[in-house]
């Protein structure tokens, strides 16, 4: 039975080491762009921090006479796909990328393509960089402690050529979650490993075991306890979860629907790094990584590691990646829906808006956003307007800019 579940069963430990070297990949600062390199990289970045940097001076490219020239409507060199703007997207040209959060994440993915790595490797490199840098505290170790104060990680990677997926959730003690997800894809016939067993698998594959907590995550947890465990994700329990900590017991009578919560949504408590990469030969890859929702119930899995929810890739249609309130969004598989709409000929911006609108019908005030890219390099994004969230920023790297460019879209 065991042999039926493992791929590459005779792989040497040295080859497992190769995977780890790859996921810790750090590109040269100024790579030489050769004729064989190129592609389009899109990444969904931190919503809250970037939104604070946008200001009000962005140019709406739909109103600019030079909009089509700004991002390379013509074919790029070396057979790269063109990058086409779709929908009401604007570019932030006045802010130098190195000052922006997560600039290095897109650089890592883009440089990986320039160095000849595959789109799958590039997506992995970008997400790994975000894990290492603990992007906004919402990705990687040291963030989003659960009700017990522990940080756990979720990640997913998808190959749009083969439709293979590797995913992990509730991963403990291992920092490189997207690397473990890649190992699930490369070294097993499974798709998804979870919990302690996923951690043991990672250790068996040679990943280092270490504490994911930091002083910051411990402080977050201590402050939460001092506030009588507010906010939390419990409902229909006693003692009253809106006023006290557990342990909780179920109430005899259930109230339907989500528990009403007051105040603005904490955008940082529902964030993800999601990447879509399109290579010069049309291969689409996607990857995600997150440490989940802050103060979550232990064992909770959100949308990020779920194929079709957090991200989806199909080289015959395109790719999509989502961020936001995963417990809501995963019920609608927005990334899968957007890719299927693009397969039917819908432009990326409209596909994104349709996916968001589908969720909005049932949850008008949910917090969420999605970015979409088709196989010709067209892309778009959409977000749901909610208190404190009116626009969605993301970054794009392509062969014309050869660096990450910050863009935004107004929420619907």
Protein backbone atom coordinates (compact mmCIF):
# COMPACT_ATOMS: atom_id res chain seq x y z
CA UNK A 1 0.00 0.00 0.00
CA UNK A 2 2.81 2.43 0.85
CA UNK A 3 4.42 2.11 -2.57
CA UNK A 4 1.12 3.02 -4.21
CA UNK A 5 1.10 6.36 -2.36
CA UNK A 6 4.65 7.50 -3.08
CA UNK A 7 6.12 8.97 -6.24
CA UNK A 8 9.84 8.81 -6.94
CA UNK A 9 10.18 6.17 -4.18
CA UNK A 10 13.86 5.60 -4.92
CA UNK A 11 14.74 9.28 -4.75
CA UNK A 12 17.93 9.88 -2.81
CA UNK A 13 18.07 12.25 0.12
CA UNK A 14 20.26 14.45 -2.02
CA UNK A 15 17.33 15.05 -4.34
CA UNK A 16 15.14 15.93 -1.40
CA UNK A 17 17.85 18.36 -0.46
CA UNK A 18 17.60 19.82 -3.95
CA UNK A 19 13.98 20.68 -3.24
CA UNK A 20 14.96 22.48 -0.06
CA UNK A 21 17.72 24.36 -1.82
CA UNK A 22 15.20 25.45 -4.39
CA UNK A 23 12.61 26.67 -1.93
CA UNK A 24 15.25 28.71 -0.14
CA UNK A 25 16.33 30.14 -3.46
CA UNK A 26 17.68 33.70 -3.40
CA UNK A 27 18.17 35.23 -6.86
CA UNK A 28 20.99 37.46 -7.97
CA UNK A 29 20.21 41.15 -7.38
CA UNK A 30 20.54 42.03 -11.07
CA UNK A 31 19.99 38.95 -13.20
CA UNK A 32 21.09 38.87 -16.80
CA UNK A 33 18.03 38.58 -19.01
CA UNK A 34 18.84 36.11 -21.73
CA UNK A 35 16.80 35.38 -24.82
CA UNK A 36 15.29 32.24 -23.32
CA UNK A 37 13.79 33.88 -20.24
CA UNK A 38 10.52 35.70 -19.75
CA UNK A 39 6.91 35.46 -18.67
CA UNK A 40 4.29 37.26 -16.63
CA UNK A 41 4.14 37.16 -12.84
CA UNK A 42 1.20 38.37 -10.80
CA UNK A 43 1.00 38.28 -7.05
CA UNK A 44 -1.73 39.15 -4.60
CA UNK A 45 0.00 41.05 -1.81
CA UNK A 46 -0.83 42.42 1.60
CA UNK A 47 -4.09 44.32 1.33
CA UNK A 48 -3.89 46.41 4.46
CA UNK A 49 -0.30 47.76 4.38
CA UNK A 50 -0.28 48.46 0.67
CA UNK A 51 -3.67 50.15 0.84
CA UNK A 52 -2.16 52.55 3.35
CA UNK A 53 0.62 53.47 0.92
CA UNK A 54 -1.52 54.14 -2.11
CA UNK A 55 -2.65 57.67 -1.34
CA UNK A 56 -4.77 59.46 -3.92
CA UNK A 57 -2.35 60.19 -6.73
CA UNK A 58 -2.67 57.01 -8.77
CA UNK A 59 -3.42 57.43 -12.44
CA UNK A 60 -6.40 55.55 -13.79
CA UNK A 61 -4.96 53.76 -16.81
CA UNK A 62 -8.40 53.51 -18.39
CA UNK A 63 -8.37 57.30 -18.63
CA UNK A 64 -4.82 57.54 -19.91
CA UNK A 65 -4.17 57.82 -23.63
CA UNK A 66 -1.00 55.82 -23.11
CA UNK A 67 -2.58 53.08 -21.03
CA UNK A 68 -1.93 50.36 -23.57
CA UNK A 69 1.69 51.37 -23.94
CA UNK A 70 2.32 51.51 -20.20
CA UNK A 71 2.28 47.77 -19.70
CA UNK A 72 3.34 46.28 -22.98
CA UNK A 73 0.46 45.53 -25.33
CA UNK A 74 2.95 44.52 -27.97
CA UNK A 75 4.68 41.14 -27.91
CA UNK A 76 7.57 41.13 -25.49
CA UNK A 77 11.02 39.87 -26.46
CA UNK A 78 11.99 36.21 -26.37
CA UNK A 79 8.49 34.98 -27.12
CA UNK A 80 7.00 36.21 -23.84
CA UNK A 81 3.27 36.71 -23.65
CA UNK A 82 2.07 40.32 -23.71
CA UNK A 83 0.67 41.84 -20.56
CA UNK A 84 -2.75 43.38 -21.16
CA UNK A 85 -4.67 45.51 -18.73
CA UNK A 86 -8.26 44.46 -18.15
CA UNK A 87 -10.81 46.35 -16.10
CA UNK A 88 -10.36 49.51 -14.05
CA UNK A 89 -6.79 48.97 -12.94
CA UNK A 90 -4.36 51.74 -12.13
CA UNK A 91 -0.60 51.77 -11.60
CA UNK A 92 1.38 53.36 -8.82
CA UNK A 93 4.40 54.76 -10.62
CA UNK A 94 5.53 57.36 -8.07
CA UNK A 95 6.53 54.94 -5.29
CA UNK A 96 9.83 53.16 -5.67
CA UNK A 97 9.20 49.38 -5.44
CA UNK A 98 11.97 48.68 -2.89
CA UNK A 99 10.01 50.78 -0.36
CA UNK A 100 6.88 48.70 -0.77
CA UNK A 101 6.05 45.73 1.43
CA UNK A 102 6.73 42.41 -0.27
CA UNK A 103 8.53 43.95 -3.26
CA UNK A 104 11.14 41.22 -2.87
CA UNK A 105 8.48 38.54 -3.16
CA UNK A 106 7.63 39.46 -6.72
CA UNK A 107 11.32 40.02 -7.46
CA UNK A 108 12.11 36.48 -6.33
CA UNK A 109 9.46 34.97 -8.60
CA UNK A 110 10.35 37.16 -11.57
CA UNK A 111 14.08 36.60 -11.22
CA UNK A 112 13.49 32.86 -10.96
CA UNK A 113 11.88 32.98 -14.41
CA UNK A 114 14.76 35.05 -15.75
CA UNK A 115 17.19 32.48 -14.41
CA UNK A 116 15.44 29.76 -16.39
CA UNK A 117 13.39 28.12 -13.65
CA UNK A 118 9.88 26.91 -14.40
CA UNK A 119 6.74 28.90 -13.52
CA UNK A 120 6.05 26.33 -10.80
CA UNK A 121 9.51 26.91 -9.31
CA UNK A 122 9.02 30.68 -9.62
CA UNK A 123 5.70 30.63 -7.75
CA UNK A 124 7.31 28.53 -5.05
CA UNK A 125 10.31 30.87 -4.80
CA UNK A 126 8.06 33.90 -4.37
CA UNK A 127 5.92 32.34 -1.66
CA UNK A 128 9.01 31.03 0.12
CA UNK A 129 10.48 34.52 0.19
CA UNK A 130 7.25 35.78 1.75
CA UNK A 131 7.39 33.03 4.37
CA UNK A 132 10.96 33.98 5.21
CA UNK A 133 10.12 37.67 5.49
CA UNK A 134 6.92 37.00 7.46
CA UNK A 135 4.93 39.21 5.09
CA UNK A 136 2.72 41.54 7.14
CA UNK A 137 2.70 38.95 9.90
CA UNK A 138 0.04 37.03 7.97
CA UNK A 139 2.45 34.66 6.21
CA UNK A 140 5.11 32.44 7.72
CA UNK A 141 6.21 31.86 11.30
CA UNK A 142 5.52 34.20 14.20
CA UNK A 143 2.03 35.36 13.25
CA UNK A 144 -1.69 34.63 13.69
CA UNK A 145 -1.58 32.52 16.86
CA UNK A 146 -4.63 30.32 17.42
CA UNK A 147 -6.68 30.00 20.61
CA UNK A 148 -3.83 28.05 22.19
CA UNK A 149 -1.20 30.57 21.15
CA UNK A 150 0.32 28.35 18.46
CA UNK A 151 1.18 29.47 14.94
CA UNK A 152 0.39 26.91 12.23
CA UNK A 153 0.80 27.24 8.47
CA UNK A 154 -1.23 26.48 5.33
CA UNK A 155 0.08 26.40 1.75
CA UNK A 156 -0.74 25.12 -1.71
CA UNK A 157 0.97 24.89 -5.10
CA UNK A 158 -0.63 23.90 -8.41
CA UNK A 159 0.77 22.92 -11.80
CA UNK A 160 -1.57 24.11 -14.55
CA UNK A 161 -0.03 21.74 -17.11
CA UNK A 162 -0.56 18.49 -15.22
CA UNK A 163 -3.29 19.71 -12.82
CA UNK A 164 -1.22 18.32 -9.95
CA UNK A 165 -1.70 19.95 -6.57
CA UNK A 166 0.31 19.74 -3.36
CA UNK A 167 -1.12 21.23 -0.18
CA UNK A 168 -0.62 21.27 3.56
CA UNK A 169 -2.70 22.72 6.37
CA UNK A 170 -2.32 23.14 10.11
CA UNK A 171 1.40 22.51 9.58
CA UNK A 172 3.38 22.70 12.81
CA UNK A 173 7.11 23.27 13.50
CA UNK A 174 8.13 23.72 9.84
CA UNK A 175 8.61 27.24 8.44
CA UNK A 176 8.69 26.46 4.72
CA UNK A 177 5.04 25.51 4.20
CA UNK A 178 4.98 25.97 0.42
CA UNK A 179 8.10 23.79 0.16
CA UNK A 180 6.31 21.03 2.05
CA UNK A 181 3.31 21.45 -0.25
CA UNK A 182 5.65 21.01 -3.22
CA UNK A 183 7.05 17.86 -1.60
CA UNK A 184 3.52 16.48 -1.28
CA UNK A 185 3.14 17.03 -5.03
CA UNK A 186 6.55 15.65 -5.99
CA UNK A 187 6.93 12.71 -3.63
CA UNK A 188 3.42 11.36 -3.04
CA UNK A 189 0.30 10.57 -5.04
CA UNK A 190 -1.73 12.58 -2.53
CA UNK A 191 -2.95 16.15 -2.79
CA UNK A 192 -3.42 17.35 0.77
CA UNK A 193 -1.74 16.52 4.10
CA UNK A 194 -2.84 18.11 7.38
CA UNK A 195 -1.89 18.55 11.01
CA UNK A 196 0.75 16.66 12.94
CA UNK A 197 1.01 14.02 10.23
CA UNK A 198 1.90 16.71 7.70
CA UNK A 199 4.63 17.91 10.05
CA UNK A 200 6.04 14.40 10.43
CA UNK A 201 6.01 14.02 6.64
CA UNK A 202 7.93 17.28 6.30
CA UNK A 203 10.53 16.16 8.82
CA UNK A 204 10.89 12.84 7.00
CA UNK A 205 11.50 14.80 3.79
CA UNK A 206 14.36 16.66 5.47
CA UNK A 207 12.68 19.91 6.44
CA UNK A 208 13.96 21.45 9.65
CA UNK A 209 11.80 21.26 12.77
CA UNK A 210 11.75 24.49 14.76
CA UNK A 211 9.50 26.68 16.88
CA UNK A 212 7.11 28.84 14.85
CA UNK A 213 6.35 31.17 17.77
CA UNK A 214 8.10 34.51 18.25
CA UNK A 215 7.95 37.26 20.85
CA UNK A 216 5.47 39.03 18.60
CA UNK A 217 3.10 36.07 18.35
CA UNK A 218 3.34 35.49 22.09
CA UNK A 219 2.50 39.14 22.72
CA UNK A 220 -0.52 38.92 20.39
CA UNK A 221 -1.76 35.88 22.27
CA UNK A 222 -1.20 37.43 25.70
CA UNK A 223 -3.05 40.58 24.70
CA UNK A 224 -5.93 38.51 23.35
CA UNK A 225 -6.22 36.61 26.63
CA UNK A 226 -6.19 39.88 28.57
CA UNK A 227 -9.13 41.07 26.45
CA UNK A 228 -11.25 38.07 27.48
CA UNK A 229 -10.40 36.30 24.22
CA UNK A 230 -11.92 38.95 21.97
CA UNK A 231 -12.44 38.68 19.08
CA UNK A 232 -12.92 34.98 18.42
CA UNK A 233 -14.70 32.64 16.02
CA UNK A 234 -17.03 30.81 18.40
CA UNK A 235 -20.84 30.86 18.24
CA UNK A 236 -23.75 28.99 19.85
CA UNK A 237 -21.66 28.14 22.91
CA UNK A 238 -21.61 28.88 26.64
CA UNK A 239 -20.13 30.68 28.37
CA UNK A 240 -20.94 33.58 26.02
CA UNK A 241 -18.04 33.72 23.55
CA UNK A 242 -18.53 37.46 23.04
CA UNK A 243 -17.73 38.11 26.70
CA UNK A 244 -15.41 35.40 27.94
CA UNK A 245 -12.82 32.74 27.18
CA UNK A 246 -13.53 29.03 27.12
CA UNK A 247 -13.54 26.17 27.57
CA UNK A 248 -16.83 26.28 25.70
CA UNK A 249 -19.74 23.89 25.56
CA UNK A 250 -22.45 23.77 22.90
CA UNK A 251 -25.77 25.47 23.56
CA UNK A 252 -28.86 23.30 23.30
CA UNK A 253 -30.55 25.75 20.93
CA UNK A 254 -28.72 26.91 17.82
CA UNK A 255 -28.99 30.31 16.20
CA UNK A 256 -28.65 30.17 12.44
CA UNK A 257 -26.15 32.29 10.56
CA UNK A 258 -22.84 33.78 11.62
CA UNK A 259 -22.49 35.50 14.98
CA UNK A 260 -22.88 39.24 14.60
CA UNK A 261 -19.56 41.02 15.09
CA UNK A 262 -19.15 44.72 15.69
CA UNK A 263 -16.47 47.10 14.43
CA UNK A 264 -14.17 47.09 11.43
CA UNK A 265 -12.63 43.92 10.06
CA UNK A 266 -8.97 43.48 10.94
CA UNK A 267 -7.58 43.18 7.43
CA UNK A 268 -4.30 41.74 8.67
CA UNK A 269 -6.08 38.81 10.30
CA UNK A 270 -7.33 37.53 6.93
CA UNK A 271 -4.43 37.81 4.50
CA UNK A 272 -2.47 35.53 2.20
CA UNK A 273 0.30 35.59 -0.34
CA UNK A 274 -1.13 34.27 -3.59
CA UNK A 275 0.85 34.07 -6.80
CA UNK A 276 0.00 33.36 -10.42
CA UNK A 277 2.89 32.79 -12.81
CA UNK A 278 2.61 32.42 -16.58
CA UNK A 279 5.69 31.18 -18.42
CA UNK A 280 6.85 31.90 -21.94
CA UNK A 281 5.40 28.60 -23.18
CA UNK A 282 2.01 29.27 -21.63
CA UNK A 283 2.40 27.14 -18.52
CA UNK A 284 0.32 28.50 -15.66
CA UNK A 285 1.25 27.89 -12.02
CA UNK A 286 -0.23 29.15 -8.78
CA UNK A 287 0.82 29.05 -5.15
CA UNK A 288 -0.36 30.35 -1.79
CA UNK A 289 0.93 30.53 1.76
CA UNK A 290 -0.55 31.86 5.01
CA UNK A 291 -0.56 31.42 8.75
CA UNK A 292 -4.34 31.66 8.75
CA UNK A 293 -6.76 33.71 10.79
CA UNK A 294 -5.59 35.23 14.07
CA UNK A 295 -7.28 33.65 17.13
CA UNK A 296 -8.67 30.82 15.04
CA UNK A 297 -10.03 27.65 16.59
CA UNK A 298 -7.15 25.13 16.64
CA UNK A 299 -7.35 22.87 13.60
CA UNK A 300 -9.09 25.45 11.43
CA UNK A 301 -8.24 25.36 7.71
CA UNK A 302 -9.11 28.31 5.51
CA UNK A 303 -9.31 28.79 1.77
CA UNK A 304 -5.62 29.31 0.98
CA UNK A 305 -4.54 25.64 0.68
CA UNK A 306 -7.74 24.54 -1.05
CA UNK A 307 -7.43 24.20 -4.83
CA UNK A 308 -10.15 26.27 -6.47
CA UNK A 309 -10.60 28.45 -3.41
CA UNK A 310 -7.26 30.03 -2.47
CA UNK A 311 -5.86 29.62 -5.98
CA UNK A 312 -6.29 27.65 -9.19
CA UNK A 313 -4.21 27.15 -12.33
CA UNK A 314 -5.05 25.61 -15.69
CA UNK A 315 -2.68 26.15 -18.60
CA UNK A 316 -5.56 25.89 -21.04
CA UNK A 317 -7.39 28.83 -19.46
CA UNK A 318 -5.48 30.84 -16.86
CA UNK A 319 -5.02 31.24 -13.14
CA UNK A 320 -6.56 33.01 -10.17
CA UNK A 321 -5.66 33.65 -6.53
CA UNK A 322 -7.83 34.99 -3.72
CA UNK A 323 -7.41 36.59 -0.31
CA UNK A 324 -9.79 37.60 2.45
CA UNK A 325 -12.23 35.87 4.77
CA UNK A 326 -11.37 32.31 3.86
CA UNK A 327 -14.11 30.66 5.89
CA UNK A 328 -16.64 32.40 3.66
CA UNK A 329 -14.77 32.44 0.37
CA UNK A 330 -13.87 28.74 0.30
CA UNK A 331 -17.56 27.85 0.12
CA UNK A 332 -17.78 29.44 -3.33
CA UNK A 333 -14.51 28.29 -4.95
CA UNK A 334 -13.92 31.76 -6.45
CA UNK A 335 -10.58 30.92 -8.08
CA UNK A 336 -12.01 27.90 -9.87
CA UNK A 337 -15.05 29.90 -10.98
CA UNK A 338 -12.89 32.71 -12.36
CA UNK A 339 -10.70 30.32 -14.34
CA UNK A 340 -13.72 28.55 -15.80
CA UNK A 341 -15.18 31.90 -16.83
CA UNK A 342 -11.92 32.78 -18.57
CA UNK A 343 -11.99 29.40 -20.29
CA UNK A 344 -15.38 30.39 -21.72
CA UNK A 345 -13.91 33.62 -23.08
CA UNK A 346 -14.64 36.06 -20.25
CA UNK A 347 -11.93 38.69 -19.79
CA UNK A 348 -10.00 38.44 -16.50
CA UNK A 349 -11.44 41.57 -14.87
CA UNK A 350 -15.01 40.48 -15.52
CA UNK A 351 -14.23 36.95 -14.35
CA UNK A 352 -12.86 38.37 -11.09
CA UNK A 353 -15.89 40.60 -10.60
CA UNK A 354 -18.27 37.74 -11.25
CA UNK A 355 -16.52 35.54 -8.70
CA UNK A 356 -16.73 38.31 -6.08
CA UNK A 357 -20.35 39.10 -6.94
CA UNK A 358 -21.33 35.46 -6.47
CA UNK A 359 -20.13 35.59 -2.86
CA UNK A 360 -21.60 39.07 -2.33
CA UNK A 361 -25.09 37.76 -3.04
CA UNK A 362 -24.94 35.75 0.17
CA UNK A 363 -22.47 37.82 2.22
CA UNK A 364 -22.81 41.49 1.18
CA UNK A 365 -20.18 42.77 3.61
CA UNK A 366 -17.55 40.05 3.35
CA UNK A 367 -13.91 41.05 3.03
CA UNK A 368 -12.22 39.54 0.00
CA UNK A 369 -10.42 40.07 -3.28
CA UNK A 370 -9.21 38.03 -6.24
CA UNK A 371 -6.71 38.49 -9.07
CA UNK A 372 -7.07 36.68 -12.41
CA UNK A 373 -4.79 36.12 -15.42
CA UNK A 374 -5.47 34.38 -18.71
CA UNK A 375 -3.02 32.50 -20.89
CA UNK A 376 -2.36 35.48 -23.17
CA UNK A 377 -1.15 37.61 -20.29
CA UNK A 378 -4.33 39.59 -19.76
CA UNK A 379 -5.18 40.19 -16.12
CA UNK A 380 -7.60 41.89 -13.79
CA UNK A 381 -8.68 42.02 -10.19
CA UNK A 382 -11.76 42.64 -8.09
CA UNK A 383 -12.65 43.13 -4.43
CA UNK A 384 -15.77 43.53 -2.36
CA UNK A 385 -16.34 46.93 -0.81
CA UNK A 386 -16.68 46.62 2.95
CA UNK A 387 -15.99 48.84 5.97
CA UNK A 388 -12.34 49.84 5.88
CA UNK A 389 -11.69 48.16 2.53
CA UNK A 390 -12.40 50.18 -0.62
CA UNK A 391 -9.56 49.27 -2.95
CA UNK A 392 -7.34 46.28 -3.57
CA UNK A 393 -3.61 46.64 -4.36
CA UNK A 394 -1.53 43.97 -6.05
CA UNK A 395 1.73 43.74 -7.95
CA UNK A 396 2.60 42.72 -11.49
CA UNK A 397 5.97 41.91 -13.02
CA UNK A 398 6.34 41.40 -16.77
CA UNK A 399 8.96 41.49 -19.46
CA UNK A 400 8.41 45.16 -20.25
CA UNK A 401 8.79 46.56 -16.73
CA UNK A 402 11.20 43.80 -15.62
CA UNK A 403 10.29 44.70 -12.04
CA UNK A 404 7.22 44.64 -9.80
CA UNK A 405 4.69 47.39 -10.45
CA UNK A 406 2.06 48.26 -7.88
CA UNK A 407 -1.51 48.41 -9.16
CA UNK A 408 -4.92 48.75 -7.57
CA UNK A 409 -8.56 48.24 -8.35
CA UNK A 410 -11.57 49.89 -6.72
CA UNK A 411 -13.86 47.51 -4.89
CA UNK A 412 -17.36 46.80 -6.17
